[in-house]
Amino acid sequence: TVSRDNTNNTVALQMNDLKIEDTAVYYCSAGWPAFFW
């Protein structure tokens, strides 16, 4: 579940029931298409 607090532009990603295949480096991005990382 992704959520956002617009008062401080904080975005959270709650990850439940994680699987081995979820192993990775996770990057936050801004813009669409994503432009900043």
Full PDB file with SEQRES, HELIX, SHEET, SSBOND, CRYST1, ORIGX, SCALE, CONECT and MASTER records, all heavy atoms in Angstrom:
SEQRES   1 A   37  THR VAL SER ARG ASP ASN THR ASN ASN THR VAL ALA LEU          
SEQRES   2 A   37  GLN MET ASN ASP LEU LYS ILE GLU ASP THR ALA VAL TYR          
SEQRES   3 A   37  TYR CYS SER ALA GLY TRP PRO ALA PHE PHE TRP                  
HELIX    1 AA1 ILE A   20  ASP A   22  5                                   3    
SHEET    1 AA1 2 VAL A   2  ASP A   5  0                                        
SHEET    2 AA1 2 THR A  10  LEU A  13 -1                                        
CRYST1    1.000    1.000    1.000  90.00  90.00  90.00 P 1           1          
ORIGX1      1.000000  0.000000  0.000000        0.00000                         
ORIGX2      0.000000  1.000000  0.000000        0.00000                         
ORIGX3      0.000000  0.000000  1.000000        0.00000                         
SCALE1      1.000000  0.000000  0.000000        0.00000                         
SCALE2      0.000000  1.000000  0.000000        0.00000                         
SCALE3      0.000000  0.000000  1.000000        0.00000                         
ATOM      1  N   THR A   1       0.844  -1.186   0.000  1.00  0.00           N  
ATOM      2  CA  THR A   1       0.000   0.000   0.000  1.00  0.00           C  
ATOM      3  C   THR A   1       0.884   1.241   0.000  1.00  0.00           C  
ATOM      4  O   THR A   1       1.774   1.367   0.856  1.00  0.00           O  
ATOM      5  CB  THR A   1      -0.910   0.026   1.227  1.00  0.00           C  
ATOM      6  OG1 THR A   1      -1.720  -1.147   1.259  1.00  0.00           O  
ATOM      7  CG2 THR A   1      -1.823   1.253   1.191  1.00  0.00           C  
ATOM      8  N   VAL A   2       0.635   2.141  -0.935  1.00  0.00           N  
ATOM      9  CA  VAL A   2       1.369   3.400  -0.990  1.00  0.00           C  
ATOM     10  C   VAL A   2       0.481   4.497  -0.425  1.00  0.00           C  
ATOM     11  O   VAL A   2      -0.736   4.512  -0.667  1.00  0.00           O  
ATOM     12  CB  VAL A   2       1.828   3.719  -2.431  1.00  0.00           C  
ATOM     13  CG1 VAL A   2       0.657   3.935  -3.371  1.00  0.00           C  
ATOM     14  CG2 VAL A   2       2.778   4.915  -2.445  1.00  0.00           C  
ATOM     15  N   SER A   3       1.078   5.387   0.342  1.00  0.00           N  
ATOM     16  CA  SER A   3       0.331   6.488   0.937  1.00  0.00           C  
ATOM     17  C   SER A   3       1.193   7.740   0.919  1.00  0.00           C  
ATOM     18  O   SER A   3       2.415   7.672   0.756  1.00  0.00           O  
ATOM     19  CB  SER A   3      -0.101   6.144   2.360  1.00  0.00           C  
ATOM     20  OG  SER A   3       1.028   5.867   3.177  1.00  0.00           O  
ATOM     21  N   ARG A   4       0.529   8.858   1.142  1.00  0.00           N  
ATOM     22  CA  ARG A   4       1.249  10.121   0.979  1.00  0.00           C  
ATOM     23  C   ARG A   4       0.755  11.133   1.990  1.00  0.00           C  
ATOM     24  O   ARG A   4      -0.438  11.233   2.262  1.00  0.00           O  
ATOM     25  CB  ARG A   4       1.023  10.638  -0.442  1.00  0.00           C  
ATOM     26  CG  ARG A   4       1.650  11.970  -0.751  1.00  0.00           C  
ATOM     27  CD  ARG A   4       1.549  12.240  -2.226  1.00  0.00           C  
ATOM     28  NE  ARG A   4       2.163  13.517  -2.560  1.00  0.00           N  
ATOM     29  CZ  ARG A   4       2.613  13.829  -3.760  1.00  0.00           C  
ATOM     30  NH1 ARG A   4       2.523  12.958  -4.750  1.00  0.00           N  
ATOM     31  NH2 ARG A   4       3.155  15.008  -3.987  1.00  0.00           N  
ATOM     32  N   ASP A   5       1.690  11.902   2.514  1.00  0.00           N  
ATOM     33  CA  ASP A   5       1.387  13.041   3.363  1.00  0.00           C  
ATOM     34  C   ASP A   5       1.787  14.291   2.593  1.00  0.00           C  
ATOM     35  O   ASP A   5       2.989  14.574   2.450  1.00  0.00           O  
ATOM     36  CB  ASP A   5       2.155  12.930   4.686  1.00  0.00           C  
ATOM     37  CG  ASP A   5       1.840  14.051   5.638  1.00  0.00           C  
ATOM     38  OD1 ASP A   5       1.197  15.042   5.217  1.00  0.00           O  
ATOM     39  OD2 ASP A   5       2.242  13.966   6.799  1.00  0.00           O  
ATOM     40  N   ASN A   6       0.799  15.021   2.087  1.00  0.00           N  
ATOM     41  CA  ASN A   6       1.095  16.184   1.259  1.00  0.00           C  
ATOM     42  C   ASN A   6       1.657  17.365   2.049  1.00  0.00           C  
ATOM     43  O   ASN A   6       2.204  18.294   1.459  1.00  0.00           O  
ATOM     44  CB  ASN A   6      -0.151  16.631   0.508  1.00  0.00           C  
ATOM     45  CG  ASN A   6      -0.466  15.735  -0.675  1.00  0.00           C  
ATOM     46  OD1 ASN A   6       0.432  15.182  -1.316  1.00  0.00           O  
ATOM     47  ND2 ASN A   6      -1.746  15.570  -0.962  1.00  0.00           N  
ATOM     48  N   THR A   7       1.496  17.345   3.351  1.00  0.00           N  
ATOM     49  CA  THR A   7       2.013  18.468   4.132  1.00  0.00           C  
ATOM     50  C   THR A   7       3.537  18.508   4.111  1.00  0.00           C  
ATOM     51  O   THR A   7       4.138  19.575   4.234  1.00  0.00           O  
ATOM     52  CB  THR A   7       1.530  18.409   5.583  1.00  0.00           C  
ATOM     53  OG1 THR A   7       2.026  17.212   6.195  1.00  0.00           O  
ATOM     54  CG2 THR A   7       0.014  18.425   5.644  1.00  0.00           C  
ATOM     55  N   ASN A   8       4.153  17.359   3.943  1.00  0.00           N  
ATOM     56  CA  ASN A   8       5.618  17.332   3.890  1.00  0.00           C  
ATOM     57  C   ASN A   8       6.146  16.479   2.746  1.00  0.00           C  
ATOM     58  O   ASN A   8       7.334  16.155   2.717  1.00  0.00           O  
ATOM     59  CB  ASN A   8       6.200  16.822   5.211  1.00  0.00           C  
ATOM     60  CG  ASN A   8       5.664  15.461   5.582  1.00  0.00           C  
ATOM     61  OD1 ASN A   8       5.094  14.762   4.757  1.00  0.00           O  
ATOM     62  ND2 ASN A   8       5.825  15.073   6.834  1.00  0.00           N  
ATOM     63  N   ASN A   9       5.265  16.119   1.805  1.00  0.00           N  
ATOM     64  CA  ASN A   9       5.664  15.324   0.628  1.00  0.00           C  
ATOM     65  C   ASN A   9       6.424  14.063   1.024  1.00  0.00           C  
ATOM     66  O   ASN A   9       7.463  13.738   0.437  1.00  0.00           O  
ATOM     67  CB  ASN A   9       6.491  16.175  -0.338  1.00  0.00           C  
ATOM     68  CG  ASN A   9       5.639  17.153  -1.104  1.00  0.00           C  
ATOM     69  OD1 ASN A   9       4.554  16.823  -1.569  1.00  0.00           O  
ATOM     70  ND2 ASN A   9       6.106  18.378  -1.217  1.00  0.00           N  
ATOM     71  N   THR A  10       5.887  13.377   1.987  1.00  0.00           N  
ATOM     72  CA  THR A  10       6.450  12.088   2.372  1.00  0.00           C  
ATOM     73  C   THR A  10       5.564  10.978   1.841  1.00  0.00           C  
ATOM     74  O   THR A  10       4.341  11.029   1.999  1.00  0.00           O  
ATOM     75  CB  THR A  10       6.557  11.975   3.901  1.00  0.00           C  
ATOM     76  OG1 THR A  10       7.426  13.001   4.386  1.00  0.00           O  
ATOM     77  CG2 THR A  10       7.125  10.633   4.302  1.00  0.00           C  
ATOM     78  N   VAL A  11       6.179  10.024   1.195  1.00  0.00           N  
ATOM     79  CA  VAL A  11       5.438   8.902   0.630  1.00  0.00           C  
ATOM     80  C   VAL A  11       5.922   7.621   1.288  1.00  0.00           C  
ATOM     81  O   VAL A  11       7.135   7.378   1.359  1.00  0.00           O  
ATOM     82  CB  VAL A  11       5.622   8.831  -0.893  1.00  0.00           C  
ATOM     83  CG1 VAL A  11       5.002   7.556  -1.461  1.00  0.00           C  
ATOM     84  CG2 VAL A  11       4.997  10.051  -1.550  1.00  0.00           C  
ATOM     85  N   ALA A  12       4.995   6.831   1.763  1.00  0.00           N  
ATOM     86  CA  ALA A  12       5.325   5.570   2.414  1.00  0.00           C  
ATOM     87  C   ALA A  12       4.870   4.403   1.562  1.00  0.00           C  
ATOM     88  O   ALA A  12       3.867   4.489   0.848  1.00  0.00           O  
ATOM     89  CB  ALA A  12       4.672   5.500   3.792  1.00  0.00           C  
ATOM     90  N   LEU A  13       5.609   3.321   1.628  1.00  0.00           N  
ATOM     91  CA  LEU A  13       5.232   2.079   0.963  1.00  0.00           C  
ATOM     92  C   LEU A  13       5.204   0.991   2.027  1.00  0.00           C  
ATOM     93  O   LEU A  13       6.247   0.573   2.529  1.00  0.00           O  
ATOM     94  CB  LEU A  13       6.227   1.724  -0.139  1.00  0.00           C  
ATOM     95  CG  LEU A  13       5.902   0.454  -0.919  1.00  0.00           C  
ATOM     96  CD1 LEU A  13       4.635   0.641  -1.753  1.00  0.00           C  
ATOM     97  CD2 LEU A  13       7.071   0.046  -1.820  1.00  0.00           C  
ATOM     98  N   GLN A  14       4.012   0.566   2.372  1.00  0.00           N  
ATOM     99  CA  GLN A  14       3.839  -0.523   3.331  1.00  0.00           C  
ATOM    100  C   GLN A  14       3.815  -1.832   2.558  1.00  0.00           C  
ATOM    101  O   GLN A  14       2.946  -2.028   1.698  1.00  0.00           O  
ATOM    102  CB  GLN A  14       2.545  -0.347   4.117  1.00  0.00           C  
ATOM    103  CG  GLN A  14       2.262  -1.474   5.098  1.00  0.00           C  
ATOM    104  CD  GLN A  14       3.272  -1.532   6.225  1.00  0.00           C  
ATOM    105  OE1 GLN A  14       3.665  -0.509   6.763  1.00  0.00           O  
ATOM    106  NE2 GLN A  14       3.686  -2.748   6.590  1.00  0.00           N  
ATOM    107  N   MET A  15       4.740  -2.704   2.864  1.00  0.00           N  
ATOM    108  CA  MET A  15       4.858  -3.974   2.147  1.00  0.00           C  
ATOM    109  C   MET A  15       4.590  -5.113   3.114  1.00  0.00           C  
ATOM    110  O   MET A  15       5.312  -5.276   4.108  1.00  0.00           O  
ATOM    111  CB  MET A  15       6.254  -4.113   1.531  1.00  0.00           C  
ATOM    112  CG  MET A  15       6.617  -2.973   0.594  1.00  0.00           C  
ATOM    113  SD  MET A  15       8.169  -3.234  -0.277  1.00  0.00           S  
ATOM    114  CE  MET A  15       9.328  -3.151   1.093  1.00  0.00           C  
ATOM    115  N   ASN A  16       3.556  -5.874   2.829  1.00  0.00           N  
ATOM    116  CA  ASN A  16       3.178  -7.014   3.659  1.00  0.00           C  
ATOM    117  C   ASN A  16       3.319  -8.300   2.859  1.00  0.00           C  
ATOM    118  O   ASN A  16       3.370  -8.276   1.626  1.00  0.00           O  
ATOM    119  CB  ASN A  16       1.734  -6.858   4.132  1.00  0.00           C  
ATOM    120  CG  ASN A  16       1.527  -5.626   4.982  1.00  0.00           C  
ATOM    121  OD1 ASN A  16       2.411  -5.217   5.749  1.00  0.00           O  
ATOM    122  ND2 ASN A  16       0.365  -5.011   4.863  1.00  0.00           N  
ATOM    123  N   ASP A  17       3.359  -9.407   3.571  1.00  0.00           N  
ATOM    124  CA  ASP A  17       3.445 -10.722   2.932  1.00  0.00           C  
ATOM    125  C   ASP A  17       4.578 -10.762   1.905  1.00  0.00           C  
ATOM    126  O   ASP A  17       4.398 -11.173   0.747  1.00  0.00           O  
ATOM    127  CB  ASP A  17       2.113 -11.086   2.275  1.00  0.00           C  
ATOM    128  CG  ASP A  17       2.054 -12.530   1.812  1.00  0.00           C  
ATOM    129  OD1 ASP A  17       2.813 -13.363   2.365  1.00  0.00           O  
ATOM    130  OD2 ASP A  17       1.277 -12.833   0.889  1.00  0.00           O  
ATOM    131  N   LEU A  18       5.733 -10.308   2.317  1.00  0.00           N  
ATOM    132  CA  LEU A  18       6.868 -10.224   1.403  1.00  0.00           C  
ATOM    133  C   LEU A  18       7.322 -11.602   0.952  1.00  0.00           C  
ATOM    134  O   LEU A  18       7.286 -12.578   1.720  1.00  0.00           O  
ATOM    135  CB  LEU A  18       8.014  -9.476   2.063  1.00  0.00           C  
ATOM    136  CG  LEU A  18       7.821  -7.948   2.091  1.00  0.00           C  
ATOM    137  CD1 LEU A  18       8.707  -7.305   3.142  1.00  0.00           C  
ATOM    138  CD2 LEU A  18       8.103  -7.361   0.720  1.00  0.00           C  
ATOM    139  N   LYS A  19       7.747 -11.665  -0.303  1.00  0.00           N  
ATOM    140  CA  LYS A  19       8.221 -12.895  -0.908  1.00  0.00           C  
ATOM    141  C   LYS A  19       9.707 -12.758  -1.239  1.00  0.00           C  
ATOM    142  O   LYS A  19      10.217 -11.638  -1.382  1.00  0.00           O  
ATOM    143  CB  LYS A  19       7.425 -13.184  -2.183  1.00  0.00           C  
ATOM    144  CG  LYS A  19       5.922 -13.243  -1.980  1.00  0.00           C  
ATOM    145  CD  LYS A  19       5.203 -13.433  -3.304  1.00  0.00           C  
ATOM    146  CE  LYS A  19       3.698 -13.466  -3.111  1.00  0.00           C  
ATOM    147  NZ  LYS A  19       2.961 -13.651  -4.401  1.00  0.00           N  
ATOM    148  N   ILE A  20      10.367 -13.894  -1.402  1.00  0.00           N  
ATOM    149  CA  ILE A  20      11.785 -13.870  -1.729  1.00  0.00           C  
ATOM    150  C   ILE A  20      12.027 -13.072  -3.007  1.00  0.00           C  
ATOM    151  O   ILE A  20      13.002 -12.323  -3.120  1.00  0.00           O  
ATOM    152  CB  ILE A  20      12.315 -15.308  -1.862  1.00  0.00           C  
ATOM    153  CG1 ILE A  20      12.299 -16.004  -0.498  1.00  0.00           C  
ATOM    154  CG2 ILE A  20      13.734 -15.317  -2.449  1.00  0.00           C  
ATOM    155  CD1 ILE A  20      12.651 -17.469  -0.541  1.00  0.00           C  
ATOM    156  N   GLU A  21      11.108 -13.183  -3.954  1.00  0.00           N  
ATOM    157  CA  GLU A  21      11.265 -12.466  -5.221  1.00  0.00           C  
ATOM    158  C   GLU A  21      11.054 -10.962  -5.107  1.00  0.00           C  
ATOM    159  O   GLU A  21      11.239 -10.231  -6.080  1.00  0.00           O  
ATOM    160  CB  GLU A  21      10.314 -13.044  -6.282  1.00  0.00           C  
ATOM    161  CG  GLU A  21       8.868 -13.148  -5.857  1.00  0.00           C  
ATOM    162  CD  GLU A  21       8.515 -14.532  -5.319  1.00  0.00           C  
ATOM    163  OE1 GLU A  21       9.350 -15.140  -4.592  1.00  0.00           O  
ATOM    164  OE2 GLU A  21       7.389 -14.998  -5.612  1.00  0.00           O  
ATOM    165  N   ASP A  22      10.683 -10.481  -3.926  1.00  0.00           N  
ATOM    166  CA  ASP A  22      10.600  -9.036  -3.702  1.00  0.00           C  
ATOM    167  C   ASP A  22      11.963  -8.433  -3.380  1.00  0.00           C  
ATOM    168  O   ASP A  22      12.093  -7.213  -3.264  1.00  0.00           O  
ATOM    169  CB  ASP A  22       9.630  -8.723  -2.561  1.00  0.00           C  
ATOM    170  CG  ASP A  22       8.183  -9.038  -2.902  1.00  0.00           C  
ATOM    171  OD1 ASP A  22       7.771  -8.758  -4.045  1.00  0.00           O  
ATOM    172  OD2 ASP A  22       7.469  -9.570  -2.026  1.00  0.00           O  
ATOM    173  N   THR A  23      12.963  -9.280  -3.228  1.00  0.00           N  
ATOM    174  CA  THR A  23      14.311  -8.795  -2.943  1.00  0.00           C  
ATOM    175  C   THR A  23      14.807  -7.921  -4.096  1.00  0.00           C  
ATOM    176  O   THR A  23      14.803  -8.341  -5.255  1.00  0.00           O  
ATOM    177  CB  THR A  23      15.273  -9.976  -2.739  1.00  0.00           C  
ATOM    178  OG1 THR A  23      14.879 -10.692  -1.561  1.00  0.00           O  
ATOM    179  CG2 THR A  23      16.708  -9.491  -2.568  1.00  0.00           C  
ATOM    180  N   ALA A  24      15.210  -6.707  -3.769  1.00  0.00           N  
ATOM    181  CA  ALA A  24      15.648  -5.749  -4.786  1.00  0.00           C  
ATOM    182  C   ALA A  24      16.090  -4.464  -4.088  1.00  0.00           C  
ATOM    183  O   ALA A  24      15.888  -4.301  -2.881  1.00  0.00           O  
ATOM    184  CB  ALA A  24      14.507  -5.432  -5.753  1.00  0.00           C  
ATOM    185  N   VAL A  25      16.669  -3.582  -4.869  1.00  0.00           N  
ATOM    186  CA  VAL A  25      16.876  -2.210  -4.413  1.00  0.00           C  
ATOM    187  C   VAL A  25      15.627  -1.424  -4.794  1.00  0.00           C  
ATOM    188  O   VAL A  25      15.183  -1.468  -5.943  1.00  0.00           O  
ATOM    189  CB  VAL A  25      18.131  -1.577  -5.044  1.00  0.00           C  
ATOM    190  CG1 VAL A  25      18.286  -0.130  -4.574  1.00  0.00           C  
ATOM    191  CG2 VAL A  25      19.376  -2.381  -4.681  1.00  0.00           C  
ATOM    192  N   TYR A  26      15.064  -0.735  -3.829  1.00  0.00           N  
ATOM    193  CA  TYR A  26      13.856   0.036  -4.045  1.00  0.00           C  
ATOM    194  C   TYR A  26      14.216   1.518  -4.128  1.00  0.00           C  
ATOM    195  O   TYR A  26      14.917   2.049  -3.265  1.00  0.00           O  
ATOM    196  CB  TYR A  26      12.863  -0.219  -2.912  1.00  0.00           C  
ATOM    197  CG  TYR A  26      12.174  -1.548  -3.016  1.00  0.00           C  
ATOM    198  CD1 TYR A  26      12.883  -2.735  -2.849  1.00  0.00           C  
ATOM    199  CD2 TYR A  26      10.818  -1.640  -3.328  1.00  0.00           C  
ATOM    200  CE1 TYR A  26      12.258  -3.971  -2.980  1.00  0.00           C  
ATOM    201  CE2 TYR A  26      10.186  -2.869  -3.451  1.00  0.00           C  
ATOM    202  CZ  TYR A  26      10.918  -4.023  -3.279  1.00  0.00           C  
ATOM    203  OH  TYR A  26      10.291  -5.246  -3.428  1.00  0.00           O  
ATOM    204  N   TYR A  27      13.698   2.145  -5.174  1.00  0.00           N  
ATOM    205  CA  TYR A  27      14.022   3.544  -5.449  1.00  0.00           C  
ATOM    206  C   TYR A  27      12.751   4.392  -5.384  1.00  0.00           C  
ATOM    207  O   TYR A  27      11.709   4.021  -5.938  1.00  0.00           O  
ATOM    208  CB  TYR A  27      14.621   3.701  -6.843  1.00  0.00           C  
ATOM    209  CG  TYR A  27      15.932   3.009  -7.048  1.00  0.00           C  
ATOM    210  CD1 TYR A  27      15.987   1.705  -7.531  1.00  0.00           C  
ATOM    211  CD2 TYR A  27      17.135   3.659  -6.776  1.00  0.00           C  
ATOM    212  CE1 TYR A  27      17.194   1.062  -7.732  1.00  0.00           C  
ATOM    213  CE2 TYR A  27      18.354   3.029  -6.988  1.00  0.00           C  
ATOM    214  CZ  TYR A  27      18.374   1.739  -7.460  1.00  0.00           C  
ATOM    215  OH  TYR A  27      19.579   1.115  -7.661  1.00  0.00           O  
ATOM    216  N   CYS A  28      12.874   5.539  -4.786  1.00  0.00           N  
ATOM    217  CA  CYS A  28      11.813   6.534  -4.836  1.00  0.00           C  
ATOM    218  C   CYS A  28      12.027   7.386  -6.081  1.00  0.00           C  
ATOM    219  O   CYS A  28      13.178   7.669  -6.461  1.00  0.00           O  
ATOM    220  CB  CYS A  28      11.868   7.397  -3.573  1.00  0.00           C  
ATOM    221  SG  CYS A  28      10.586   8.638  -3.458  1.00  0.00           S  
ATOM    222  N   SER A  29      10.934   7.792  -6.703  1.00  0.00           N  
ATOM    223  CA  SER A  29      11.034   8.601  -7.911  1.00  0.00           C  
ATOM    224  C   SER A  29      10.075   9.769  -7.830  1.00  0.00           C  
ATOM    225  O   SER A  29       9.082   9.730  -7.097  1.00  0.00           O  
ATOM    226  CB  SER A  29      10.703   7.754  -9.146  1.00  0.00           C  
ATOM    227  OG  SER A  29       9.317   7.444  -9.152  1.00  0.00           O  
ATOM    228  N   ALA A  30      10.358  10.804  -8.623  1.00  0.00           N  
ATOM    229  CA  ALA A  30       9.452  11.942  -8.722  1.00  0.00           C  
ATOM    230  C   ALA A  30       9.292  12.314 -10.179  1.00  0.00           C  
ATOM    231  O   ALA A  30      10.234  12.216 -10.967  1.00  0.00           O  
ATOM    232  CB  ALA A  30       9.985  13.128  -7.927  1.00  0.00           C  
ATOM    233  N   GLY A  31       8.082  12.743 -10.513  1.00  0.00           N  
ATOM    234  CA  GLY A  31       7.766  13.088 -11.891  1.00  0.00           C  
ATOM    235  C   GLY A  31       7.171  11.885 -12.602  1.00  0.00           C  
ATOM    236  O   GLY A  31       7.335  10.741 -12.187  1.00  0.00           O  
ATOM    237  N   TRP A  32       6.457  12.168 -13.685  1.00  0.00           N  
ATOM    238  CA  TRP A  32       5.931  11.070 -14.505  1.00  0.00           C  
ATOM    239  C   TRP A  32       5.943  11.494 -15.963  1.00  0.00           C  
ATOM    240  O   TRP A  32       5.269  12.460 -16.319  1.00  0.00           O  
ATOM    241  CB  TRP A  32       4.520  10.677 -14.084  1.00  0.00           C  
ATOM    242  CG  TRP A  32       4.090   9.418 -14.772  1.00  0.00           C  
ATOM    243  CD1 TRP A  32       3.233   9.304 -15.808  1.00  0.00           C  
ATOM    244  CD2 TRP A  32       4.588   8.090 -14.485  1.00  0.00           C  
ATOM    245  NE1 TRP A  32       3.152   7.969 -16.184  1.00  0.00           N  
ATOM    246  CE2 TRP A  32       3.965   7.217 -15.393  1.00  0.00           C  
ATOM    247  CE3 TRP A  32       5.509   7.570 -13.565  1.00  0.00           C  
ATOM    248  CZ2 TRP A  32       4.211   5.843 -15.391  1.00  0.00           C  
ATOM    249  CZ3 TRP A  32       5.748   6.215 -13.564  1.00  0.00           C  
ATOM    250  CH2 TRP A  32       5.102   5.373 -14.470  1.00  0.00           C  
ATOM    251  N   PRO A  33       6.706  10.787 -16.799  1.00  0.00           N  
ATOM    252  CA  PRO A  33       7.563   9.645 -16.440  1.00  0.00           C  
ATOM    253  C   PRO A  33       8.570  10.016 -15.346  1.00  0.00           C  
ATOM    254  O   PRO A  33       8.917  11.174 -15.191  1.00  0.00           O  
ATOM    255  CB  PRO A  33       8.279   9.317 -17.748  1.00  0.00           C  
ATOM    256  CG  PRO A  33       7.432   9.908 -18.817  1.00  0.00           C  
ATOM    257  CD  PRO A  33       6.841  11.138 -18.219  1.00  0.00           C  
ATOM    258  N   ALA A  34       9.004   9.028 -14.618  1.00  0.00           N  
ATOM    259  CA  ALA A  34       9.943   9.262 -13.521  1.00  0.00           C  
ATOM    260  C   ALA A  34      11.196   9.952 -14.035  1.00  0.00           C  
ATOM    261  O   ALA A  34      11.797   9.513 -15.011  1.00  0.00           O  
ATOM    262  CB  ALA A  34      10.306   7.941 -12.854  1.00  0.00           C  
ATOM    263  N   PHE A  35      11.544  11.035 -13.360  1.00  0.00           N  
ATOM    264  CA  PHE A  35      12.666  11.842 -13.830  1.00  0.00           C  
ATOM    265  C   PHE A  35      13.726  12.004 -12.766  1.00  0.00           C  
ATOM    266  O   PHE A  35      14.913  12.094 -13.079  1.00  0.00           O  
ATOM    267  CB  PHE A  35      12.138  13.212 -14.267  1.00  0.00           C  
ATOM    268  CG  PHE A  35      13.131  14.029 -15.017  1.00  0.00           C  
ATOM    269  CD1 PHE A  35      13.416  13.757 -16.346  1.00  0.00           C  
ATOM    270  CD2 PHE A  35      13.790  15.073 -14.397  1.00  0.00           C  
ATOM    271  CE1 PHE A  35      14.329  14.513 -17.036  1.00  0.00           C  
ATOM    272  CE2 PHE A  35      14.706  15.842 -15.073  1.00  0.00           C  
ATOM    273  CZ  PHE A  35      14.977  15.564 -16.396  1.00  0.00           C  
ATOM    274  N   PHE A  36      13.329  12.050 -11.514  1.00  0.00           N  
ATOM    275  CA  PHE A  36      14.271  12.177 -10.407  1.00  0.00           C  
ATOM    276  C   PHE A  36      14.243  10.884  -9.595  1.00  0.00           C  
ATOM    277  O   PHE A  36      13.197  10.248  -9.455  1.00  0.00           O  
ATOM    278  CB  PHE A  36      13.897  13.365  -9.512  1.00  0.00           C  
ATOM    279  CG  PHE A  36      14.005  14.690 -10.196  1.00  0.00           C  
ATOM    280  CD1 PHE A  36      12.892  15.285 -10.772  1.00  0.00           C  
ATOM    281  CD2 PHE A  36      15.216  15.343 -10.266  1.00  0.00           C  
ATOM    282  CE1 PHE A  36      12.986  16.511 -11.412  1.00  0.00           C  
ATOM    283  CE2 PHE A  36      15.326  16.566 -10.901  1.00  0.00           C  
ATOM    284  CZ  PHE A  36      14.214  17.147 -11.479  1.00  0.00           C  
ATOM    285  N   TRP A  37      15.418  10.542  -9.053  1.00  0.00           N  
ATOM    286  CA  TRP A  37      15.549   9.280  -8.336  1.00  0.00           C  
ATOM    287  C   TRP A  37      16.271   9.483  -7.017  1.00  0.00           C  
ATOM    288  O   TRP A  37      17.189  10.320  -6.911  1.00  0.00           O  
ATOM    289  CB  TRP A  37      16.343   8.275  -9.182  1.00  0.00           C  
ATOM    290  CG  TRP A  37      15.696   7.955 -10.481  1.00  0.00           C  
ATOM    291  CD1 TRP A  37      15.915   8.549 -11.684  1.00  0.00           C  
ATOM    292  CD2 TRP A  37      14.690   6.956 -10.709  1.00  0.00           C  
ATOM    293  NE1 TRP A  37      15.108   7.993 -12.638  1.00  0.00           N  
ATOM    294  CE2 TRP A  37      14.351   7.012 -12.079  1.00  0.00           C  
ATOM    295  CE3 TRP A  37      14.041   6.029  -9.880  1.00  0.00           C  
ATOM    296  CZ2 TRP A  37      13.389   6.168 -12.647  1.00  0.00           C  
ATOM    297  CZ3 TRP A  37      13.097   5.195 -10.450  1.00  0.00           C  
ATOM    298  CH2 TRP A  37      12.777   5.277 -11.815  1.00  0.00           C  
TER     299      TRP A  37                                                      
MASTER        0    0    0    1    2    0    0    6  298    1    0    3          
END                                                                             
